[in-house]
Amino acid sequence: MDKASILADTIKYLKELKERLAILEKPGKKTNVDQSMVVPTKPAICIDEYYASSNENTVTERSANGTATDQSILKVEAKVSGKDMLIRIHCRKHNGLLVKIITEIQSYELFVVNNSVLGFGDSILDITIIAEIGEGYNLSIKGLVKNLCIAALEFMSS
């Protein structure tokens, strides 16, 4: 290959990239996430100290005397985009927890479209649920996350 053909191929490739960029940057093709909420939670014995923090990535259970133990990890995240909602839950494995969470979600006029459960290590679950928002849905994202946390904590403590 000579220099002229290399330059010609390069110019042709740059034009193709510019065309692709123009297509991707067209207005109306963008999707924005309307709302998002991540709430690490404490277990039911400390539910009165419920808190929300976007700076913490992990949560540990606090026993009655206030010391941290690694017995219960619970993290709930919800994002809304248009009429769709993405819910992610990171928690300890408990038989029947997925059924409880899906039942709780459906009670708020959210219709589960898809869900997946991935095991992480021997005892951690990562639950991802995609739901469609129904007409009767009237909770804020923070309210939904709080209610899901409470339901999960109650189920895990029983």
N, C-alpha and C. Protein backbone atom coordinates (compact mmCIF):
# COMPACT_ATOMS: atom_id res chain seq x y z
N MET A 1 0.84 -1.19 0.00
CA MET A 1 0.00 0.00 0.00
C MET A 1 0.88 1.25 0.00
N ASP A 2 0.49 2.19 -0.79
CA ASP A 2 1.25 3.44 -0.81
C ASP A 2 0.57 4.48 0.09
N LYS A 3 1.22 5.59 0.28
CA LYS A 3 0.74 6.63 1.20
C LYS A 3 -0.60 7.21 0.75
N ALA A 4 -0.78 7.36 -0.54
CA ALA A 4 -2.01 7.95 -1.06
C ALA A 4 -3.23 7.08 -0.74
N SER A 5 -3.10 5.77 -0.91
CA SER A 5 -4.24 4.88 -0.62
C SER A 5 -4.53 4.82 0.88
N ILE A 6 -3.50 4.89 1.71
CA ILE A 6 -3.70 4.92 3.16
C ILE A 6 -4.44 6.18 3.57
N LEU A 7 -4.04 7.32 3.01
CA LEU A 7 -4.72 8.58 3.30
C LEU A 7 -6.17 8.56 2.82
N ALA A 8 -6.40 8.00 1.64
CA ALA A 8 -7.76 7.93 1.10
C ALA A 8 -8.65 7.06 1.99
N ASP A 9 -8.13 5.91 2.43
CA ASP A 9 -8.90 5.03 3.32
C ASP A 9 -9.18 5.71 4.66
N THR A 10 -8.21 6.45 5.17
CA THR A 10 -8.37 7.15 6.44
C THR A 10 -9.45 8.22 6.33
N ILE A 11 -9.43 8.98 5.26
CA ILE A 11 -10.43 10.04 5.05
C ILE A 11 -11.82 9.42 4.92
N LYS A 12 -11.93 8.32 4.20
CA LYS A 12 -13.21 7.63 4.04
C LYS A 12 -13.74 7.14 5.39
N TYR A 13 -12.85 6.59 6.20
CA TYR A 13 -13.23 6.08 7.52
C TYR A 13 -13.68 7.22 8.44
N LEU A 14 -12.99 8.35 8.40
CA LEU A 14 -13.37 9.51 9.20
C LEU A 14 -14.75 10.02 8.81
N LYS A 15 -15.05 10.03 7.53
CA LYS A 15 -16.38 10.46 7.07
C LYS A 15 -17.47 9.52 7.60
N GLU A 16 -17.20 8.21 7.58
CA GLU A 16 -18.16 7.25 8.12
C GLU A 16 -18.39 7.48 9.61
N LEU A 17 -17.32 7.75 10.35
CA LEU A 17 -17.45 8.01 11.78
C LEU A 17 -18.26 9.27 12.05
N LYS A 18 -18.04 10.32 11.24
CA LYS A 18 -18.81 11.56 11.41
C LYS A 18 -20.29 11.32 11.15
N GLU A 19 -20.61 10.51 10.14
CA GLU A 19 -22.00 10.19 9.84
C GLU A 19 -22.65 9.42 11.00
N ARG A 20 -21.93 8.46 11.55
CA ARG A 20 -22.45 7.71 12.70
C ARG A 20 -22.67 8.61 13.90
N LEU A 21 -21.73 9.52 14.14
CA LEU A 21 -21.84 10.46 15.25
C LEU A 21 -23.06 11.36 15.07
N ALA A 22 -23.29 11.83 13.86
CA ALA A 22 -24.44 12.69 13.59
C ALA A 22 -25.75 11.94 13.86
N ILE A 23 -25.81 10.66 13.49
CA ILE A 23 -27.01 9.86 13.73
C ILE A 23 -27.23 9.68 15.23
N LEU A 24 -26.17 9.40 15.96
CA LEU A 24 -26.30 9.17 17.41
C LEU A 24 -26.64 10.43 18.18
N GLU A 25 -26.25 11.59 17.67
CA GLU A 25 -26.50 12.85 18.38
C GLU A 25 -27.83 13.48 18.03
N LYS A 26 -28.62 12.87 17.16
CA LYS A 26 -29.92 13.44 16.79
C LYS A 26 -30.80 13.58 18.01
N PRO A 27 -31.52 14.72 18.14
CA PRO A 27 -32.45 14.87 19.27
C PRO A 27 -33.58 13.86 19.15
N GLY A 28 -34.11 13.49 20.30
CA GLY A 28 -35.18 12.51 20.31
C GLY A 28 -34.67 11.09 20.51
N LYS A 29 -33.42 10.86 20.30
CA LYS A 29 -32.84 9.55 20.50
C LYS A 29 -32.32 9.38 21.92
N LYS A 30 -32.29 10.47 22.68
CA LYS A 30 -31.75 10.42 24.03
C LYS A 30 -32.82 9.90 24.98
N THR A 31 -32.39 9.11 25.95
CA THR A 31 -33.28 8.67 27.01
C THR A 31 -32.68 9.12 28.32
N ASN A 32 -33.47 9.81 29.09
CA ASN A 32 -33.00 10.32 30.37
C ASN A 32 -33.63 9.54 31.51
N VAL A 33 -32.87 9.32 32.54
CA VAL A 33 -33.40 8.71 33.74
C VAL A 33 -34.02 9.82 34.55
N ASP A 34 -35.32 9.69 34.85
CA ASP A 34 -36.04 10.75 35.54
C ASP A 34 -35.65 10.83 37.02
N GLN A 35 -35.70 9.71 37.70
CA GLN A 35 -35.42 9.72 39.12
C GLN A 35 -34.63 8.48 39.47
N SER A 36 -33.84 8.59 40.50
CA SER A 36 -33.06 7.46 40.97
C SER A 36 -32.89 7.57 42.47
N MET A 37 -32.93 6.43 43.15
CA MET A 37 -32.78 6.45 44.61
C MET A 37 -32.05 5.19 45.04
N VAL A 38 -31.01 5.35 45.85
CA VAL A 38 -30.29 4.23 46.43
C VAL A 38 -30.37 4.39 47.94
N VAL A 39 -30.81 3.35 48.62
CA VAL A 39 -30.95 3.44 50.06
C VAL A 39 -30.32 2.23 50.72
N PRO A 40 -29.13 2.38 51.31
CA PRO A 40 -28.64 1.31 52.15
C PRO A 40 -29.43 1.34 53.45
N THR A 41 -29.78 0.20 53.97
CA THR A 41 -30.64 0.19 55.15
C THR A 41 -30.05 -0.59 56.30
N LYS A 42 -30.57 -0.32 57.46
CA LYS A 42 -30.24 -1.07 58.66
C LYS A 42 -31.35 -2.09 58.87
N PRO A 43 -31.10 -3.16 59.62
CA PRO A 43 -32.14 -4.16 59.84
C PRO A 43 -33.27 -3.65 60.71
N ALA A 44 -34.31 -4.47 60.84
CA ALA A 44 -35.54 -4.06 61.50
C ALA A 44 -35.34 -3.56 62.92
N ILE A 45 -34.34 -4.08 63.65
CA ILE A 45 -34.15 -3.63 65.02
C ILE A 45 -33.71 -2.17 65.08
N CYS A 46 -33.25 -1.66 63.97
CA CYS A 46 -32.82 -0.26 63.93
C CYS A 46 -33.64 0.54 62.93
N ILE A 47 -34.84 0.08 62.61
CA ILE A 47 -35.62 0.72 61.55
C ILE A 47 -36.00 2.15 61.90
N ASP A 48 -36.05 2.50 63.20
CA ASP A 48 -36.34 3.87 63.57
C ASP A 48 -35.19 4.80 63.22
N GLU A 49 -34.03 4.23 62.98
CA GLU A 49 -32.87 5.03 62.58
C GLU A 49 -32.67 4.96 61.06
N TYR A 50 -33.75 4.64 60.33
CA TYR A 50 -33.71 4.53 58.88
C TYR A 50 -33.02 5.74 58.27
N TYR A 51 -32.14 5.46 57.34
CA TYR A 51 -31.42 6.56 56.73
C TYR A 51 -31.16 6.29 55.26
N ALA A 52 -30.92 7.36 54.52
CA ALA A 52 -30.58 7.26 53.11
C ALA A 52 -29.26 7.97 52.89
N SER A 53 -28.36 7.33 52.20
CA SER A 53 -27.06 7.93 51.93
C SER A 53 -26.55 7.44 50.59
N SER A 54 -26.17 8.35 49.73
CA SER A 54 -25.63 7.94 48.45
C SER A 54 -24.12 7.75 48.52
N ASN A 55 -23.51 8.03 49.66
CA ASN A 55 -22.06 7.91 49.80
C ASN A 55 -21.62 6.52 50.24
N GLU A 56 -22.51 5.72 50.80
CA GLU A 56 -22.13 4.42 51.32
C GLU A 56 -22.48 3.33 50.32
N ASN A 57 -21.56 2.39 50.12
CA ASN A 57 -21.79 1.31 49.19
C ASN A 57 -22.17 0.00 49.86
N THR A 58 -21.85 -0.16 51.13
CA THR A 58 -22.18 -1.38 51.83
C THR A 58 -22.86 -1.04 53.15
N VAL A 59 -23.62 -1.97 53.62
CA VAL A 59 -24.33 -1.78 54.88
C VAL A 59 -24.11 -3.03 55.72
N THR A 60 -23.91 -2.85 56.99
CA THR A 60 -23.77 -4.00 57.88
C THR A 60 -24.86 -3.94 58.93
N GLU A 61 -25.20 -5.08 59.46
CA GLU A 61 -26.24 -5.15 60.49
C GLU A 61 -25.67 -4.61 61.80
N ARG A 62 -26.47 -3.88 62.51
CA ARG A 62 -26.06 -3.39 63.82
C ARG A 62 -26.88 -4.11 64.87
N SER A 63 -26.19 -4.74 65.77
CA SER A 63 -26.91 -5.46 66.82
C SER A 63 -27.44 -4.47 67.84
N ALA A 64 -28.15 -4.95 68.82
CA ALA A 64 -28.80 -4.08 69.81
C ALA A 64 -27.80 -3.22 70.57
N ASN A 65 -26.56 -3.71 70.75
CA ASN A 65 -25.58 -2.91 71.47
C ASN A 65 -24.82 -1.95 70.57
N GLY A 66 -25.18 -1.90 69.27
CA GLY A 66 -24.60 -0.92 68.37
C GLY A 66 -23.35 -1.38 67.65
N THR A 67 -22.88 -2.61 67.87
CA THR A 67 -21.70 -3.08 67.17
C THR A 67 -22.10 -3.62 65.81
N ALA A 68 -21.23 -3.50 64.85
CA ALA A 68 -21.54 -3.94 63.50
C ALA A 68 -21.18 -5.41 63.32
N THR A 69 -22.09 -6.14 62.69
CA THR A 69 -21.80 -7.52 62.32
C THR A 69 -22.06 -7.65 60.83
N ASP A 70 -21.54 -8.67 60.24
CA ASP A 70 -21.66 -8.84 58.80
C ASP A 70 -22.79 -9.81 58.47
N GLN A 71 -23.83 -9.87 59.26
CA GLN A 71 -24.87 -10.88 59.11
C GLN A 71 -25.90 -10.51 58.04
N SER A 72 -26.19 -9.26 57.84
CA SER A 72 -27.26 -8.90 56.92
C SER A 72 -26.84 -7.71 56.07
N ILE A 73 -26.84 -7.90 54.77
CA ILE A 73 -26.53 -6.81 53.85
C ILE A 73 -27.79 -6.57 53.04
N LEU A 74 -28.22 -5.33 52.95
CA LEU A 74 -29.40 -5.00 52.16
C LEU A 74 -29.18 -3.65 51.51
N LYS A 75 -29.30 -3.63 50.20
CA LYS A 75 -29.18 -2.38 49.45
C LYS A 75 -30.27 -2.41 48.39
N VAL A 76 -31.09 -1.38 48.35
CA VAL A 76 -32.18 -1.30 47.39
C VAL A 76 -31.99 -0.04 46.56
N GLU A 77 -32.15 -0.18 45.26
CA GLU A 77 -31.98 0.94 44.33
C GLU A 77 -33.14 0.92 43.35
N ALA A 78 -33.69 2.09 43.04
CA ALA A 78 -34.78 2.18 42.07
C ALA A 78 -34.53 3.34 41.14
N LYS A 79 -34.77 3.11 39.85
CA LYS A 79 -34.62 4.15 38.84
C LYS A 79 -35.87 4.15 37.96
N VAL A 80 -36.30 5.33 37.56
CA VAL A 80 -37.47 5.46 36.70
C VAL A 80 -37.05 6.12 35.40
N SER A 81 -37.56 5.57 34.31
CA SER A 81 -37.36 6.16 32.99
C SER A 81 -38.68 6.02 32.24
N GLY A 82 -39.38 7.13 32.11
CA GLY A 82 -40.68 7.09 31.46
C GLY A 82 -41.66 6.27 32.27
N LYS A 83 -42.22 5.22 31.66
CA LYS A 83 -43.17 4.34 32.35
C LYS A 83 -42.50 3.05 32.85
N ASP A 84 -41.18 2.99 32.80
CA ASP A 84 -40.46 1.80 33.24
C ASP A 84 -39.69 2.09 34.51
N MET A 85 -39.54 1.06 35.33
CA MET A 85 -38.79 1.19 36.58
C MET A 85 -37.81 0.03 36.69
N LEU A 86 -36.59 0.36 37.08
CA LEU A 86 -35.56 -0.63 37.33
C LEU A 86 -35.33 -0.69 38.83
N ILE A 87 -35.46 -1.87 39.40
CA ILE A 87 -35.28 -2.06 40.85
C ILE A 87 -34.17 -3.08 41.03
N ARG A 88 -33.15 -2.72 41.82
CA ARG A 88 -32.06 -3.64 42.13
C ARG A 88 -31.97 -3.81 43.63
N ILE A 89 -31.84 -5.05 44.04
CA ILE A 89 -31.73 -5.38 45.47
C ILE A 89 -30.52 -6.28 45.66
N HIS A 90 -29.66 -5.89 46.57
CA HIS A 90 -28.47 -6.66 46.92
C HIS A 90 -28.64 -7.09 48.36
N CYS A 91 -28.71 -8.39 48.61
CA CYS A 91 -29.02 -8.86 49.96
C CYS A 91 -28.47 -10.27 50.20
N ARG A 92 -28.62 -10.74 51.43
CA ARG A 92 -28.28 -12.11 51.80
C ARG A 92 -29.34 -13.06 51.22
N LYS A 93 -28.93 -14.30 50.93
CA LYS A 93 -29.86 -15.30 50.42
C LYS A 93 -30.85 -15.70 51.50
N HIS A 94 -32.12 -15.69 51.13
CA HIS A 94 -33.20 -16.19 51.99
C HIS A 94 -34.22 -16.85 51.08
N ASN A 95 -34.60 -18.08 51.40
CA ASN A 95 -35.60 -18.78 50.59
C ASN A 95 -36.92 -18.02 50.62
N GLY A 96 -37.48 -17.78 49.43
CA GLY A 96 -38.76 -17.11 49.32
C GLY A 96 -38.70 -15.60 49.25
N LEU A 97 -37.50 -15.02 49.35
CA LEU A 97 -37.39 -13.55 49.35
C LEU A 97 -37.83 -12.96 48.01
N LEU A 98 -37.45 -13.59 46.90
CA LEU A 98 -37.83 -13.06 45.58
C LEU A 98 -39.34 -13.01 45.43
N VAL A 99 -40.02 -14.06 45.85
CA VAL A 99 -41.49 -14.10 45.76
C VAL A 99 -42.09 -12.98 46.60
N LYS A 100 -41.56 -12.78 47.80
CA LYS A 100 -42.05 -11.71 48.69
C LYS A 100 -41.85 -10.34 48.04
N ILE A 101 -40.67 -10.10 47.47
CA ILE A 101 -40.37 -8.81 46.84
C ILE A 101 -41.28 -8.57 45.64
N ILE A 102 -41.45 -9.57 44.79
CA ILE A 102 -42.31 -9.40 43.61
C ILE A 102 -43.76 -9.16 44.02
N THR A 103 -44.22 -9.88 45.03
CA THR A 103 -45.58 -9.66 45.54
C THR A 103 -45.73 -8.23 46.06
N GLU A 104 -44.74 -7.77 46.79
CA GLU A 104 -44.76 -6.40 47.33
C GLU A 104 -44.77 -5.37 46.19
N ILE A 105 -43.95 -5.59 45.18
CA ILE A 105 -43.88 -4.67 44.03
C ILE A 105 -45.23 -4.61 43.32
N GLN A 106 -45.84 -5.76 43.10
CA GLN A 106 -47.12 -5.79 42.39
C GLN A 106 -48.24 -5.14 43.19
N SER A 107 -48.11 -5.11 44.50
CA SER A 107 -49.14 -4.47 45.32
C SER A 107 -49.14 -2.95 45.16
N TYR A 108 -48.11 -2.39 44.57
CA TYR A 108 -48.02 -0.93 44.35
C TYR A 108 -48.36 -0.54 42.92
N GLU A 109 -49.07 -1.41 42.18
CA GLU A 109 -49.44 -1.13 40.79
C GLU A 109 -48.21 -1.05 39.89
N LEU A 110 -47.23 -1.86 40.16
CA LEU A 110 -46.08 -2.04 39.28
C LEU A 110 -46.18 -3.44 38.70
N PHE A 111 -46.03 -3.57 37.39
CA PHE A 111 -46.20 -4.85 36.72
C PHE A 111 -44.83 -5.36 36.30
N VAL A 112 -44.42 -6.48 36.87
CA VAL A 112 -43.09 -7.03 36.62
C VAL A 112 -43.01 -7.53 35.18
N VAL A 113 -42.06 -6.97 34.43
CA VAL A 113 -41.84 -7.35 33.05
C VAL A 113 -40.76 -8.42 32.97
N ASN A 114 -39.71 -8.24 33.77
CA ASN A 114 -38.58 -9.16 33.75
C ASN A 114 -37.90 -9.12 35.11
N ASN A 115 -37.27 -10.23 35.47
CA ASN A 115 -36.46 -10.23 36.69
C ASN A 115 -35.33 -11.22 36.53
N SER A 116 -34.25 -10.96 37.23
CA SER A 116 -33.13 -11.90 37.24
C SER A 116 -32.52 -11.91 38.63
N VAL A 117 -32.01 -13.07 38.98
CA VAL A 117 -31.38 -13.23 40.28
C VAL A 117 -30.01 -13.85 40.04
N LEU A 118 -28.99 -13.17 40.52
CA LEU A 118 -27.63 -13.67 40.38
C LEU A 118 -27.05 -13.92 41.75
N GLY A 119 -26.42 -15.06 41.91
CA GLY A 119 -25.74 -15.34 43.16
C GLY A 119 -24.35 -14.74 43.13
N PHE A 120 -23.95 -14.18 44.24
CA PHE A 120 -22.61 -13.61 44.37
C PHE A 120 -21.99 -14.26 45.59
N GLY A 121 -21.00 -15.10 45.35
CA GLY A 121 -20.44 -15.86 46.46
C GLY A 121 -21.43 -16.93 46.89
N ASP A 122 -21.30 -17.37 48.12
CA ASP A 122 -22.17 -18.43 48.62
C ASP A 122 -23.46 -17.92 49.22
N SER A 123 -23.50 -16.66 49.63
CA SER A 123 -24.67 -16.24 50.41
C SER A 123 -25.24 -14.88 50.03
N ILE A 124 -24.83 -14.30 48.91
CA ILE A 124 -25.32 -12.97 48.52
C ILE A 124 -26.14 -13.10 47.23
N LEU A 125 -27.22 -12.35 47.13
CA LEU A 125 -28.05 -12.30 45.93
C LEU A 125 -28.06 -10.89 45.36
N ASP A 126 -28.08 -10.81 44.04
CA ASP A 126 -28.29 -9.54 43.35
C ASP A 126 -29.56 -9.72 42.52
N ILE A 127 -30.64 -9.09 42.95
CA ILE A 127 -31.94 -9.22 42.30
C ILE A 127 -32.18 -7.97 41.45
N THR A 128 -32.48 -8.16 40.18
CA THR A 128 -32.79 -7.05 39.28
C THR A 128 -34.19 -7.27 38.72
N ILE A 129 -35.03 -6.26 38.87
CA ILE A 129 -36.42 -6.36 38.42
C ILE A 129 -36.74 -5.16 37.54
N ILE A 130 -37.33 -5.43 36.39
CA ILE A 130 -37.82 -4.37 35.51
C ILE A 130 -39.34 -4.42 35.58
N ALA A 131 -39.93 -3.30 35.93
CA ALA A 131 -41.39 -3.24 36.08
C ALA A 131 -41.95 -2.08 35.29
N GLU A 132 -43.18 -2.24 34.87
CA GLU A 132 -43.91 -1.18 34.17
C GLU A 132 -44.82 -0.50 35.18
N ILE A 133 -44.82 0.82 35.17
CA ILE A 133 -45.61 1.58 36.13
C ILE A 133 -47.07 1.62 35.68
N GLY A 134 -47.97 1.16 36.56
CA GLY A 134 -49.40 1.16 36.26
C GLY A 134 -50.02 2.52 36.56
N GLU A 135 -51.26 2.69 36.14
CA GLU A 135 -51.95 3.97 36.34
C GLU A 135 -52.23 4.26 37.80
N GLY A 136 -52.35 3.24 38.62
CA GLY A 136 -52.66 3.43 40.03
C GLY A 136 -51.44 3.66 40.91
N TYR A 137 -50.25 3.69 40.32
CA TYR A 137 -49.02 3.88 41.10
C TYR A 137 -48.96 5.31 41.62
N ASN A 138 -48.75 5.47 42.94
CA ASN A 138 -48.76 6.82 43.50
C ASN A 138 -47.66 7.04 44.54
N LEU A 139 -46.63 6.21 44.56
CA LEU A 139 -45.53 6.38 45.51
C LEU A 139 -44.39 7.18 44.90
N SER A 140 -43.65 7.85 45.75
CA SER A 140 -42.40 8.45 45.29
C SER A 140 -41.36 7.33 45.22
N ILE A 141 -40.25 7.59 44.56
CA ILE A 141 -39.18 6.60 44.49
C ILE A 141 -38.67 6.29 45.89
N LYS A 142 -38.49 7.33 46.69
CA LYS A 142 -38.00 7.14 48.05
C LYS A 142 -38.97 6.29 48.87
N GLY A 143 -40.27 6.54 48.71
CA GLY A 143 -41.28 5.77 49.42
C GLY A 143 -41.27 4.30 49.01
N LEU A 144 -41.14 4.05 47.71
CA LEU A 144 -41.09 2.67 47.22
C LEU A 144 -39.87 1.95 47.78
N VAL A 145 -38.71 2.61 47.71
CA VAL A 145 -37.48 1.99 48.20
C VAL A 145 -37.59 1.70 49.69
N LYS A 146 -38.13 2.64 50.43
CA LYS A 146 -38.29 2.45 51.88
C LYS A 146 -39.22 1.27 52.17
N ASN A 147 -40.35 1.20 51.46
CA ASN A 147 -41.30 0.10 51.67
C ASN A 147 -40.70 -1.26 51.30
N LEU A 148 -39.92 -1.30 50.21
CA LEU A 148 -39.28 -2.56 49.83
C LEU A 148 -38.24 -2.98 50.86
N CYS A 149 -37.51 -2.00 51.40
CA CYS A 149 -36.52 -2.29 52.44
C CYS A 149 -37.20 -2.86 53.68
N ILE A 150 -38.27 -2.24 54.09
CA ILE A 150 -38.99 -2.70 55.29
C ILE A 150 -39.53 -4.11 55.07
N ALA A 151 -40.13 -4.35 53.89
CA ALA A 151 -40.68 -5.68 53.60
C ALA A 151 -39.58 -6.74 53.59
N ALA A 152 -38.44 -6.42 52.98
CA ALA A 152 -37.33 -7.38 52.93
C ALA A 152 -36.77 -7.64 54.32
N LEU A 153 -36.61 -6.59 55.10
CA LEU A 153 -36.08 -6.75 56.46
C LEU A 153 -37.02 -7.57 57.33
N GLU A 154 -38.32 -7.32 57.22
CA GLU A 154 -39.29 -8.09 57.99
C GLU A 154 -39.25 -9.56 57.59
N PHE A 155 -39.14 -9.82 56.27
CA PHE A 155 -39.10 -11.20 55.80
C PHE A 155 -37.82 -11.90 56.27
N MET A 156 -36.69 -11.21 56.19
CA MET A 156 -35.42 -11.82 56.57
C MET A 156 -35.32 -12.06 58.08
N SER A 157 -36.04 -11.26 58.86
CA SER A 157 -35.97 -11.43 60.31
C SER A 157 -36.95 -12.48 60.82
N SER A 158 -37.89 -12.91 59.97
CA SER A 158 -38.88 -13.91 60.42
C SER A 158 -38.37 -15.32 60.20
